[in-house]
Amino acid sequence: ICGTHATRRHLNSAMKTAAGFTADYPSGAGEKIICLRNRHDL
């Protein structure tokens, strides 16, 4: 958990790389993804 979106983006980039995920977009190989908007229909 952090304070700002700038820190969030920096940490996410560093942590996903440390986890072995170097692609710019998800590959479905176990990355940690969070939903940002409600989609009640889904």
ModelCIF file with pLDDT and N, C-alpha, C, O atoms, coordinates in Angstrom:
data_MODEL
#
_entry.id   MODEL 
#
_entity.id                         1 
_entity.type                       polymer 
_entity.pdbx_number_of_molecules   1 
#
_entity_poly.entity_id                      1 
_entity_poly.type                           'polypeptide(L)' 
_entity_poly.nstd_linkage                   no 
_entity_poly.nstd_monomer                   no 
_entity_poly.pdbx_seq_one_letter_code       ICGTHATRRHLNSAMKTAAGFTADYPSGAGEKIICLRNRHDL 
_entity_poly.pdbx_seq_one_letter_code_can   ICGTHATRRHLNSAMKTAAGFTADYPSGAGEKIICLRNRHDL 
_entity_poly.pdbx_strand_id                 A 
#
loop_
_entity_poly_seq.entity_id 
_entity_poly_seq.num 
_entity_poly_seq.mon_id 
_entity_poly_seq.hetero 
1 1  ILE n 
1 2  CYS n 
1 3  GLY n 
1 4  THR n 
1 5  HIS n 
1 6  ALA n 
1 7  THR n 
1 8  ARG n 
1 9  ARG n 
1 10 HIS n 
1 11 LEU n 
1 12 ASN n 
1 13 SER n 
1 14 ALA n 
1 15 MET n 
1 16 LYS n 
1 17 THR n 
1 18 ALA n 
1 19 ALA n 
1 20 GLY n 
1 21 PHE n 
1 22 THR n 
1 23 ALA n 
1 24 ASP n 
1 25 TYR n 
1 26 PRO n 
1 27 SER n 
1 28 GLY n 
1 29 ALA n 
1 30 GLY n 
1 31 GLU n 
1 32 LYS n 
1 33 ILE n 
1 34 ILE n 
1 35 CYS n 
1 36 LEU n 
1 37 ARG n 
1 38 ASN n 
1 39 ARG n 
1 40 HIS n 
1 41 ASP n 
1 42 LEU n 
#
_struct_asym.id          A 
_struct_asym.entity_id   1 
#
loop_
_ma_qa_metric.id 
_ma_qa_metric.mode 
_ma_qa_metric.name 
_ma_qa_metric.software_group_id 
_ma_qa_metric.type 
1 global pLDDT . pLDDT 
2 local  pLDDT . pLDDT 
#
_ma_qa_metric_global.metric_id      1 
_ma_qa_metric_global.metric_value   92.95 
_ma_qa_metric_global.model_id       1 
_ma_qa_metric_global.ordinal_id     1 
#
loop_
_ma_qa_metric_local.label_asym_id 
_ma_qa_metric_local.label_comp_id 
_ma_qa_metric_local.label_seq_id 
_ma_qa_metric_local.metric_id 
_ma_qa_metric_local.metric_value 
_ma_qa_metric_local.model_id 
_ma_qa_metric_local.ordinal_id 
A ILE 1  2 98.00 1 1  
A CYS 2  2 97.00 1 2  
A GLY 3  2 95.00 1 3  
A THR 4  2 94.00 1 4  
A HIS 5  2 94.00 1 5  
A ALA 6  2 95.00 1 6  
A THR 7  2 97.00 1 7  
A ARG 8  2 97.00 1 8  
A ARG 9  2 97.00 1 9  
A HIS 10 2 97.00 1 10 
A LEU 11 2 97.00 1 11 
A ASN 12 2 97.00 1 12 
A SER 13 2 97.00 1 13 
A ALA 14 2 97.00 1 14 
A MET 15 2 97.00 1 15 
A LYS 16 2 96.00 1 16 
A THR 17 2 96.00 1 17 
A ALA 18 2 97.00 1 18 
A ALA 19 2 96.00 1 19 
A GLY 20 2 95.00 1 20 
A PHE 21 2 95.00 1 21 
A THR 22 2 94.00 1 22 
A ALA 23 2 95.00 1 23 
A ASP 24 2 94.00 1 24 
A TYR 25 2 95.00 1 25 
A PRO 26 2 96.00 1 26 
A SER 27 2 92.00 1 27 
A GLY 28 2 90.00 1 28 
A ALA 29 2 88.00 1 29 
A GLY 30 2 90.00 1 30 
A GLU 31 2 95.00 1 31 
A LYS 32 2 95.00 1 32 
A ILE 33 2 96.00 1 33 
A ILE 34 2 96.00 1 34 
A CYS 35 2 93.00 1 35 
A LEU 36 2 91.00 1 36 
A ARG 37 2 86.00 1 37 
A ASN 38 2 81.00 1 38 
A ARG 39 2 83.00 1 39 
A HIS 40 2 73.00 1 40 
A ASP 41 2 76.00 1 41 
A LEU 42 2 84.00 1 42 
#
loop_
_atom_site.group_PDB 
_atom_site.id 
_atom_site.type_symbol 
_atom_site.label_atom_id 
_atom_site.label_alt_id 
_atom_site.label_comp_id 
_atom_site.label_asym_id 
_atom_site.label_entity_id 
_atom_site.label_seq_id 
_atom_site.pdbx_PDB_ins_code 
_atom_site.Cartn_x 
_atom_site.Cartn_y 
_atom_site.Cartn_z 
_atom_site.occupancy 
_atom_site.B_iso_or_equiv 
_atom_site.pdbx_formal_charge 
_atom_site.auth_seq_id 
_atom_site.auth_comp_id 
_atom_site.auth_asym_id 
_atom_site.auth_atom_id 
_atom_site.pdbx_PDB_model_num 
ATOM 1   N N  . ILE A 1 1  ? 0.847   -1.182  0.000   1.00 98.00 ? 1  ILE A N  1 
ATOM 2   C CA . ILE A 1 1  ? 0.000   0.000   0.000   1.00 98.00 ? 1  ILE A CA 1 
ATOM 3   C C  . ILE A 1 1  ? 0.889   1.240   0.000   1.00 98.00 ? 1  ILE A C  1 
ATOM 4   O O  . ILE A 1 1  ? 1.856   1.318   0.758   1.00 98.00 ? 1  ILE A O  1 
ATOM 5   N N  . CYS A 1 2  ? 0.558   2.208   -0.852  1.00 97.00 ? 2  CYS A N  1 
ATOM 6   C CA . CYS A 1 2  ? 1.319   3.445   -0.914  1.00 97.00 ? 2  CYS A CA 1 
ATOM 7   C C  . CYS A 1 2  ? 0.373   4.638   -0.940  1.00 97.00 ? 2  CYS A C  1 
ATOM 8   O O  . CYS A 1 2  ? -0.840  4.484   -0.804  1.00 97.00 ? 2  CYS A O  1 
ATOM 9   N N  . GLY A 1 3  ? 0.948   5.845   -1.119  1.00 95.00 ? 3  GLY A N  1 
ATOM 10  C CA . GLY A 1 3  ? 0.135   7.048   -1.037  1.00 95.00 ? 3  GLY A CA 1 
ATOM 11  C C  . GLY A 1 3  ? -0.305  7.611   -2.372  1.00 95.00 ? 3  GLY A C  1 
ATOM 12  O O  . GLY A 1 3  ? -1.476  7.948   -2.547  1.00 95.00 ? 3  GLY A O  1 
ATOM 13  N N  . THR A 1 4  ? 0.627   7.720   -3.329  1.00 94.00 ? 4  THR A N  1 
ATOM 14  C CA . THR A 1 4  ? 0.338   8.410   -4.575  1.00 94.00 ? 4  THR A CA 1 
ATOM 15  C C  . THR A 1 4  ? 0.303   7.448   -5.755  1.00 94.00 ? 4  THR A C  1 
ATOM 16  O O  . THR A 1 4  ? 0.850   6.346   -5.704  1.00 94.00 ? 4  THR A O  1 
ATOM 17  N N  . HIS A 1 5  ? -0.360  7.899   -6.825  1.00 94.00 ? 5  HIS A N  1 
ATOM 18  C CA . HIS A 1 5  ? -0.415  7.085   -8.035  1.00 94.00 ? 5  HIS A CA 1 
ATOM 19  C C  . HIS A 1 5  ? 0.952   6.990   -8.707  1.00 94.00 ? 5  HIS A C  1 
ATOM 20  O O  . HIS A 1 5  ? 1.265   5.980   -9.337  1.00 94.00 ? 5  HIS A O  1 
ATOM 21  N N  . ALA A 1 6  ? 1.770   8.040   -8.575  1.00 95.00 ? 6  ALA A N  1 
ATOM 22  C CA . ALA A 1 6  ? 3.116   7.982   -9.139  1.00 95.00 ? 6  ALA A CA 1 
ATOM 23  C C  . ALA A 1 6  ? 3.932   6.879   -8.471  1.00 95.00 ? 6  ALA A C  1 
ATOM 24  O O  . ALA A 1 6  ? 4.620   6.115   -9.148  1.00 95.00 ? 6  ALA A O  1 
ATOM 25  N N  . THR A 1 7  ? 3.856   6.796   -7.131  1.00 97.00 ? 7  THR A N  1 
ATOM 26  C CA . THR A 1 7  ? 4.537   5.721   -6.411  1.00 97.00 ? 7  THR A CA 1 
ATOM 27  C C  . THR A 1 7  ? 3.964   4.365   -6.792  1.00 97.00 ? 7  THR A C  1 
ATOM 28  O O  . THR A 1 7  ? 4.700   3.396   -6.981  1.00 97.00 ? 7  THR A O  1 
ATOM 29  N N  . ARG A 1 8  ? 2.645   4.308   -6.901  1.00 97.00 ? 8  ARG A N  1 
ATOM 30  C CA . ARG A 1 8  ? 1.992   3.051   -7.280  1.00 97.00 ? 8  ARG A CA 1 
ATOM 31  C C  . ARG A 1 8  ? 2.519   2.533   -8.614  1.00 97.00 ? 8  ARG A C  1 
ATOM 32  O O  . ARG A 1 8  ? 2.860   1.356   -8.734  1.00 97.00 ? 8  ARG A O  1 
ATOM 33  N N  . ARG A 1 9  ? 2.588   3.407   -9.616  1.00 97.00 ? 9  ARG A N  1 
ATOM 34  C CA . ARG A 1 9  ? 3.068   2.982   -10.926 1.00 97.00 ? 9  ARG A CA 1 
ATOM 35  C C  . ARG A 1 9  ? 4.525   2.534   -10.852 1.00 97.00 ? 9  ARG A C  1 
ATOM 36  O O  . ARG A 1 9  ? 4.896   1.530   -11.459 1.00 97.00 ? 9  ARG A O  1 
ATOM 37  N N  . HIS A 1 10 ? 5.356   3.277   -10.109 1.00 97.00 ? 10 HIS A N  1 
ATOM 38  C CA . HIS A 1 10 ? 6.765   2.916   -9.964  1.00 97.00 ? 10 HIS A CA 1 
ATOM 39  C C  . HIS A 1 10 ? 6.929   1.551   -9.293  1.00 97.00 ? 10 HIS A C  1 
ATOM 40  O O  . HIS A 1 10 ? 7.694   0.714   -9.772  1.00 97.00 ? 10 HIS A O  1 
ATOM 41  N N  . LEU A 1 11 ? 6.218   1.323   -8.194  1.00 97.00 ? 11 LEU A N  1 
ATOM 42  C CA . LEU A 1 11 ? 6.333   0.065   -7.471  1.00 97.00 ? 11 LEU A CA 1 
ATOM 43  C C  . LEU A 1 11 ? 5.792   -1.096  -8.291  1.00 97.00 ? 11 LEU A C  1 
ATOM 44  O O  . LEU A 1 11 ? 6.383   -2.176  -8.306  1.00 97.00 ? 11 LEU A O  1 
ATOM 45  N N  . ASN A 1 12 ? 4.682   -0.882  -8.966  1.00 97.00 ? 12 ASN A N  1 
ATOM 46  C CA . ASN A 1 12 ? 4.112   -1.956  -9.781  1.00 97.00 ? 12 ASN A CA 1 
ATOM 47  C C  . ASN A 1 12 ? 5.078   -2.393  -10.874 1.00 97.00 ? 12 ASN A C  1 
ATOM 48  O O  . ASN A 1 12 ? 5.265   -3.587  -11.107 1.00 97.00 ? 12 ASN A O  1 
ATOM 49  N N  . SER A 1 13 ? 5.692   -1.419  -11.543 1.00 97.00 ? 13 SER A N  1 
ATOM 50  C CA . SER A 1 13 ? 6.636   -1.753  -12.603 1.00 97.00 ? 13 SER A CA 1 
ATOM 51  C C  . SER A 1 13 ? 7.811   -2.551  -12.054 1.00 97.00 ? 13 SER A C  1 
ATOM 52  O O  . SER A 1 13 ? 8.231   -3.543  -12.650 1.00 97.00 ? 13 SER A O  1 
ATOM 53  N N  . ALA A 1 14 ? 8.340   -2.110  -10.909 1.00 97.00 ? 14 ALA A N  1 
ATOM 54  C CA . ALA A 1 14 ? 9.492   -2.788  -10.313 1.00 97.00 ? 14 ALA A CA 1 
ATOM 55  C C  . ALA A 1 14 ? 9.123   -4.165  -9.781  1.00 97.00 ? 14 ALA A C  1 
ATOM 56  O O  . ALA A 1 14 ? 9.889   -5.115  -9.948  1.00 97.00 ? 14 ALA A O  1 
ATOM 57  N N  . MET A 1 15 ? 7.963   -4.289  -9.142  1.00 97.00 ? 15 MET A N  1 
ATOM 58  C CA . MET A 1 15 ? 7.579   -5.550  -8.513  1.00 97.00 ? 15 MET A CA 1 
ATOM 59  C C  . MET A 1 15 ? 7.186   -6.608  -9.541  1.00 97.00 ? 15 MET A C  1 
ATOM 60  O O  . MET A 1 15 ? 7.509   -7.784  -9.377  1.00 97.00 ? 15 MET A O  1 
ATOM 61  N N  . LYS A 1 16 ? 6.488   -6.190  -10.603 1.00 96.00 ? 16 LYS A N  1 
ATOM 62  C CA . LYS A 1 16 ? 6.120   -7.184  -11.608 1.00 96.00 ? 16 LYS A CA 1 
ATOM 63  C C  . LYS A 1 16 ? 7.365   -7.709  -12.322 1.00 96.00 ? 16 LYS A C  1 
ATOM 64  O O  . LYS A 1 16 ? 7.440   -8.889  -12.667 1.00 96.00 ? 16 LYS A O  1 
ATOM 65  N N  . THR A 1 17 ? 8.346   -6.822  -12.541 1.00 96.00 ? 17 THR A N  1 
ATOM 66  C CA . THR A 1 17 ? 9.596   -7.266  -13.140 1.00 96.00 ? 17 THR A CA 1 
ATOM 67  C C  . THR A 1 17 ? 10.325  -8.233  -12.219 1.00 96.00 ? 17 THR A C  1 
ATOM 68  O O  . THR A 1 17 ? 10.857  -9.249  -12.666 1.00 96.00 ? 17 THR A O  1 
ATOM 69  N N  . ALA A 1 18 ? 10.345  -7.906  -10.913 1.00 97.00 ? 18 ALA A N  1 
ATOM 70  C CA . ALA A 1 18 ? 10.976  -8.794  -9.934  1.00 97.00 ? 18 ALA A CA 1 
ATOM 71  C C  . ALA A 1 18 ? 10.270  -10.148 -9.865  1.00 97.00 ? 18 ALA A C  1 
ATOM 72  O O  . ALA A 1 18 ? 10.888  -11.166 -9.554  1.00 97.00 ? 18 ALA A O  1 
ATOM 73  N N  . ALA A 1 19 ? 8.977   -10.145 -10.158 1.00 96.00 ? 19 ALA A N  1 
ATOM 74  C CA . ALA A 1 19 ? 8.213   -11.392 -10.166 1.00 96.00 ? 19 ALA A CA 1 
ATOM 75  C C  . ALA A 1 19 ? 8.416   -12.195 -11.445 1.00 96.00 ? 19 ALA A C  1 
ATOM 76  O O  . ALA A 1 19 ? 7.905   -13.308 -11.570 1.00 96.00 ? 19 ALA A O  1 
ATOM 77  N N  . GLY A 1 20 ? 9.170   -11.628 -12.404 1.00 95.00 ? 20 GLY A N  1 
ATOM 78  C CA . GLY A 1 20 ? 9.468   -12.335 -13.639 1.00 95.00 ? 20 GLY A CA 1 
ATOM 79  C C  . GLY A 1 20 ? 8.583   -11.995 -14.807 1.00 95.00 ? 20 GLY A C  1 
ATOM 80  O O  . GLY A 1 20 ? 8.621   -12.669 -15.836 1.00 95.00 ? 20 GLY A O  1 
ATOM 81  N N  . PHE A 1 21 ? 7.764   -10.927 -14.657 1.00 95.00 ? 21 PHE A N  1 
ATOM 82  C CA . PHE A 1 21 ? 6.861   -10.528 -15.740 1.00 95.00 ? 21 PHE A CA 1 
ATOM 83  C C  . PHE A 1 21 ? 7.396   -9.252  -16.376 1.00 95.00 ? 21 PHE A C  1 
ATOM 84  O O  . PHE A 1 21 ? 7.250   -8.171  -15.807 1.00 95.00 ? 21 PHE A O  1 
ATOM 85  N N  . THR A 1 22 ? 8.004   -9.361  -17.531 1.00 94.00 ? 22 THR A N  1 
ATOM 86  C CA . THR A 1 22 ? 8.670   -8.229  -18.160 1.00 94.00 ? 22 THR A CA 1 
ATOM 87  C C  . THR A 1 22 ? 7.847   -7.582  -19.265 1.00 94.00 ? 22 THR A C  1 
ATOM 88  O O  . THR A 1 22 ? 8.214   -6.507  -19.740 1.00 94.00 ? 22 THR A O  1 
ATOM 89  N N  . ALA A 1 23 ? 6.749   -8.198  -19.690 1.00 95.00 ? 23 ALA A N  1 
ATOM 90  C CA . ALA A 1 23 ? 5.923   -7.642  -20.761 1.00 95.00 ? 23 ALA A CA 1 
ATOM 91  C C  . ALA A 1 23 ? 5.168   -6.411  -20.264 1.00 95.00 ? 23 ALA A C  1 
ATOM 92  O O  . ALA A 1 23 ? 4.913   -6.257  -19.069 1.00 95.00 ? 23 ALA A O  1 
ATOM 93  N N  . ASP A 1 24 ? 4.816   -5.537  -21.213 1.00 94.00 ? 24 ASP A N  1 
ATOM 94  C CA . ASP A 1 24 ? 4.082   -4.321  -20.860 1.00 94.00 ? 24 ASP A CA 1 
ATOM 95  C C  . ASP A 1 24 ? 2.622   -4.588  -20.517 1.00 94.00 ? 24 ASP A C  1 
ATOM 96  O O  . ASP A 1 24 ? 1.969   -3.787  -19.848 1.00 94.00 ? 24 ASP A O  1 
ATOM 97  N N  . TYR A 1 25 ? 2.119   -5.736  -20.990 1.00 95.00 ? 25 TYR A N  1 
ATOM 98  C CA . TYR A 1 25 ? 0.726   -6.082  -20.764 1.00 95.00 ? 25 TYR A CA 1 
ATOM 99  C C  . TYR A 1 25 ? 0.635   -7.473  -20.145 1.00 95.00 ? 25 TYR A C  1 
ATOM 100 O O  . TYR A 1 25 ? 1.566   -8.269  -20.267 1.00 95.00 ? 25 TYR A O  1 
ATOM 101 N N  . PRO A 1 26 ? -0.484  -7.771  -19.480 1.00 96.00 ? 26 PRO A N  1 
ATOM 102 C CA . PRO A 1 26 ? -0.635  -9.092  -18.863 1.00 96.00 ? 26 PRO A CA 1 
ATOM 103 C C  . PRO A 1 26 ? -0.540  -10.216 -19.892 1.00 96.00 ? 26 PRO A C  1 
ATOM 104 O O  . PRO A 1 26 ? -0.965  -10.069 -21.038 1.00 96.00 ? 26 PRO A O  1 
ATOM 105 N N  . SER A 1 27 ? 0.023   -11.335 -19.460 1.00 92.00 ? 27 SER A N  1 
ATOM 106 C CA . SER A 1 27 ? 0.110   -12.515 -20.308 1.00 92.00 ? 27 SER A CA 1 
ATOM 107 C C  . SER A 1 27 ? -0.758  -13.661 -19.803 1.00 92.00 ? 27 SER A C  1 
ATOM 108 O O  . SER A 1 27 ? -0.949  -14.664 -20.491 1.00 92.00 ? 27 SER A O  1 
ATOM 109 N N  . GLY A 1 28 ? -1.283  -13.496 -18.586 1.00 90.00 ? 28 GLY A N  1 
ATOM 110 C CA . GLY A 1 28 ? -2.087  -14.555 -18.002 1.00 90.00 ? 28 GLY A CA 1 
ATOM 111 C C  . GLY A 1 28 ? -1.270  -15.608 -17.288 1.00 90.00 ? 28 GLY A C  1 
ATOM 112 O O  . GLY A 1 28 ? -1.771  -16.695 -17.000 1.00 90.00 ? 28 GLY A O  1 
ATOM 113 N N  . ALA A 1 29 ? -0.003  -15.297 -16.996 1.00 88.00 ? 29 ALA A N  1 
ATOM 114 C CA . ALA A 1 29 ? 0.890   -16.285 -16.394 1.00 88.00 ? 29 ALA A CA 1 
ATOM 115 C C  . ALA A 1 29 ? 0.937   -16.194 -14.874 1.00 88.00 ? 29 ALA A C  1 
ATOM 116 O O  . ALA A 1 29 ? 1.833   -16.765 -14.253 1.00 88.00 ? 29 ALA A O  1 
ATOM 117 N N  . GLY A 1 30 ? -0.002  -15.495 -14.271 1.00 90.00 ? 30 GLY A N  1 
ATOM 118 C CA . GLY A 1 30 ? -0.031  -15.379 -12.823 1.00 90.00 ? 30 GLY A CA 1 
ATOM 119 C C  . GLY A 1 30 ? 0.211   -13.981 -12.290 1.00 90.00 ? 30 GLY A C  1 
ATOM 120 O O  . GLY A 1 30 ? 0.440   -13.801 -11.094 1.00 90.00 ? 30 GLY A O  1 
ATOM 121 N N  . GLU A 1 31 ? 0.162   -12.968 -13.188 1.00 95.00 ? 31 GLU A N  1 
ATOM 122 C CA . GLU A 1 31 ? 0.330   -11.594 -12.751 1.00 95.00 ? 31 GLU A CA 1 
ATOM 123 C C  . GLU A 1 31 ? -0.803  -11.151 -11.812 1.00 95.00 ? 31 GLU A C  1 
ATOM 124 O O  . GLU A 1 31 ? -1.908  -11.692 -11.863 1.00 95.00 ? 31 GLU A O  1 
ATOM 125 N N  . LYS A 1 32 ? -0.516  -10.176 -10.970 1.00 95.00 ? 32 LYS A N  1 
ATOM 126 C CA . LYS A 1 32 ? -1.497  -9.640  -10.039 1.00 95.00 ? 32 LYS A CA 1 
ATOM 127 C C  . LYS A 1 32 ? -2.200  -8.459  -10.692 1.00 95.00 ? 32 LYS A C  1 
ATOM 128 O O  . LYS A 1 32 ? -1.583  -7.424  -10.944 1.00 95.00 ? 32 LYS A O  1 
ATOM 129 N N  . ILE A 1 33 ? -3.491  -8.615  -10.966 1.00 96.00 ? 33 ILE A N  1 
ATOM 130 C CA . ILE A 1 33 ? -4.288  -7.627  -11.683 1.00 96.00 ? 33 ILE A CA 1 
ATOM 131 C C  . ILE A 1 33 ? -5.428  -7.178  -10.786 1.00 96.00 ? 33 ILE A C  1 
ATOM 132 O O  . ILE A 1 33 ? -6.038  -7.995  -10.096 1.00 96.00 ? 33 ILE A O  1 
ATOM 133 N N  . ILE A 1 34 ? -5.719  -5.874  -10.793 1.00 96.00 ? 34 ILE A N  1 
ATOM 134 C CA . ILE A 1 34 ? -6.818  -5.346  -9.995  1.00 96.00 ? 34 ILE A CA 1 
ATOM 135 C C  . ILE A 1 34 ? -7.809  -4.615  -10.893 1.00 96.00 ? 34 ILE A C  1 
ATOM 136 O O  . ILE A 1 34 ? -7.416  -3.901  -11.815 1.00 96.00 ? 34 ILE A O  1 
ATOM 137 N N  . CYS A 1 35 ? -9.085  -4.800  -10.617 1.00 93.00 ? 35 CYS A N  1 
ATOM 138 C CA . CYS A 1 35 ? -10.160 -4.122  -11.335 1.00 93.00 ? 35 CYS A CA 1 
ATOM 139 C C  . CYS A 1 35 ? -10.285 -2.682  -10.821 1.00 93.00 ? 35 CYS A C  1 
ATOM 140 O O  . CYS A 1 35 ? -10.269 -2.453  -9.612  1.00 93.00 ? 35 CYS A O  1 
ATOM 141 N N  . LEU A 1 36 ? -10.411 -1.712  -11.737 1.00 91.00 ? 36 LEU A N  1 
ATOM 142 C CA . LEU A 1 36 ? -10.448 -0.304  -11.364 1.00 91.00 ? 36 LEU A CA 1 
ATOM 143 C C  . LEU A 1 36 ? -11.832 0.326   -11.447 1.00 91.00 ? 36 LEU A C  1 
ATOM 144 O O  . LEU A 1 36 ? -12.042 1.424   -10.931 1.00 91.00 ? 36 LEU A O  1 
ATOM 145 N N  . ARG A 1 37 ? -12.766 -0.343  -12.078 1.00 86.00 ? 37 ARG A N  1 
ATOM 146 C CA . ARG A 1 37 ? -14.128 0.188   -12.215 1.00 86.00 ? 37 ARG A CA 1 
ATOM 147 C C  . ARG A 1 37 ? -15.123 -0.953  -12.049 1.00 86.00 ? 37 ARG A C  1 
ATOM 148 O O  . ARG A 1 37 ? -14.852 -2.088  -12.441 1.00 86.00 ? 37 ARG A O  1 
ATOM 149 N N  . ASN A 1 38 ? -16.275 -0.643  -11.465 1.00 81.00 ? 38 ASN A N  1 
ATOM 150 C CA . ASN A 1 38 ? -17.326 -1.649  -11.336 1.00 81.00 ? 38 ASN A CA 1 
ATOM 151 C C  . ASN A 1 38 ? -17.843 -2.076  -12.707 1.00 81.00 ? 38 ASN A C  1 
ATOM 152 O O  . ASN A 1 38 ? -18.033 -1.238  -13.589 1.00 81.00 ? 38 ASN A O  1 
ATOM 153 N N  . ARG A 1 39 ? -18.069 -3.364  -12.886 1.00 83.00 ? 39 ARG A N  1 
ATOM 154 C CA . ARG A 1 39 ? -18.792 -3.922  -14.020 1.00 83.00 ? 39 ARG A CA 1 
ATOM 155 C C  . ARG A 1 39 ? -19.794 -4.907  -13.460 1.00 83.00 ? 39 ARG A C  1 
ATOM 156 O O  . ARG A 1 39 ? -19.570 -6.118  -13.455 1.00 83.00 ? 39 ARG A O  1 
ATOM 157 N N  . HIS A 1 40 ? -20.910 -4.360  -12.986 1.00 73.00 ? 40 HIS A N  1 
ATOM 158 C CA . HIS A 1 40 ? -21.902 -5.183  -12.312 1.00 73.00 ? 40 HIS A CA 1 
ATOM 159 C C  . HIS A 1 40 ? -22.489 -6.239  -13.235 1.00 73.00 ? 40 HIS A C  1 
ATOM 160 O O  . HIS A 1 40 ? -22.918 -7.300  -12.782 1.00 73.00 ? 40 HIS A O  1 
ATOM 161 N N  . ASP A 1 41 ? -22.507 -5.943  -14.546 1.00 76.00 ? 41 ASP A N  1 
ATOM 162 C CA . ASP A 1 41 ? -23.039 -6.916  -15.488 1.00 76.00 ? 41 ASP A CA 1 
ATOM 163 C C  . ASP A 1 41 ? -22.170 -8.172  -15.569 1.00 76.00 ? 41 ASP A C  1 
ATOM 164 O O  . ASP A 1 41 ? -22.647 -9.235  -15.966 1.00 76.00 ? 41 ASP A O  1 
ATOM 165 N N  . LEU A 1 42 ? -20.888 -8.048  -15.190 1.00 84.00 ? 42 LEU A N  1 
ATOM 166 C CA . LEU A 1 42 ? -19.969 -9.173  -15.204 1.00 84.00 ? 42 LEU A CA 1 
ATOM 167 C C  . LEU A 1 42 ? -19.635 -9.691  -13.810 1.00 84.00 ? 42 LEU A C  1 
ATOM 168 O O  . LEU A 1 42 ? -18.867 -10.643 -13.673 1.00 84.00 ? 42 LEU A O  1 
#
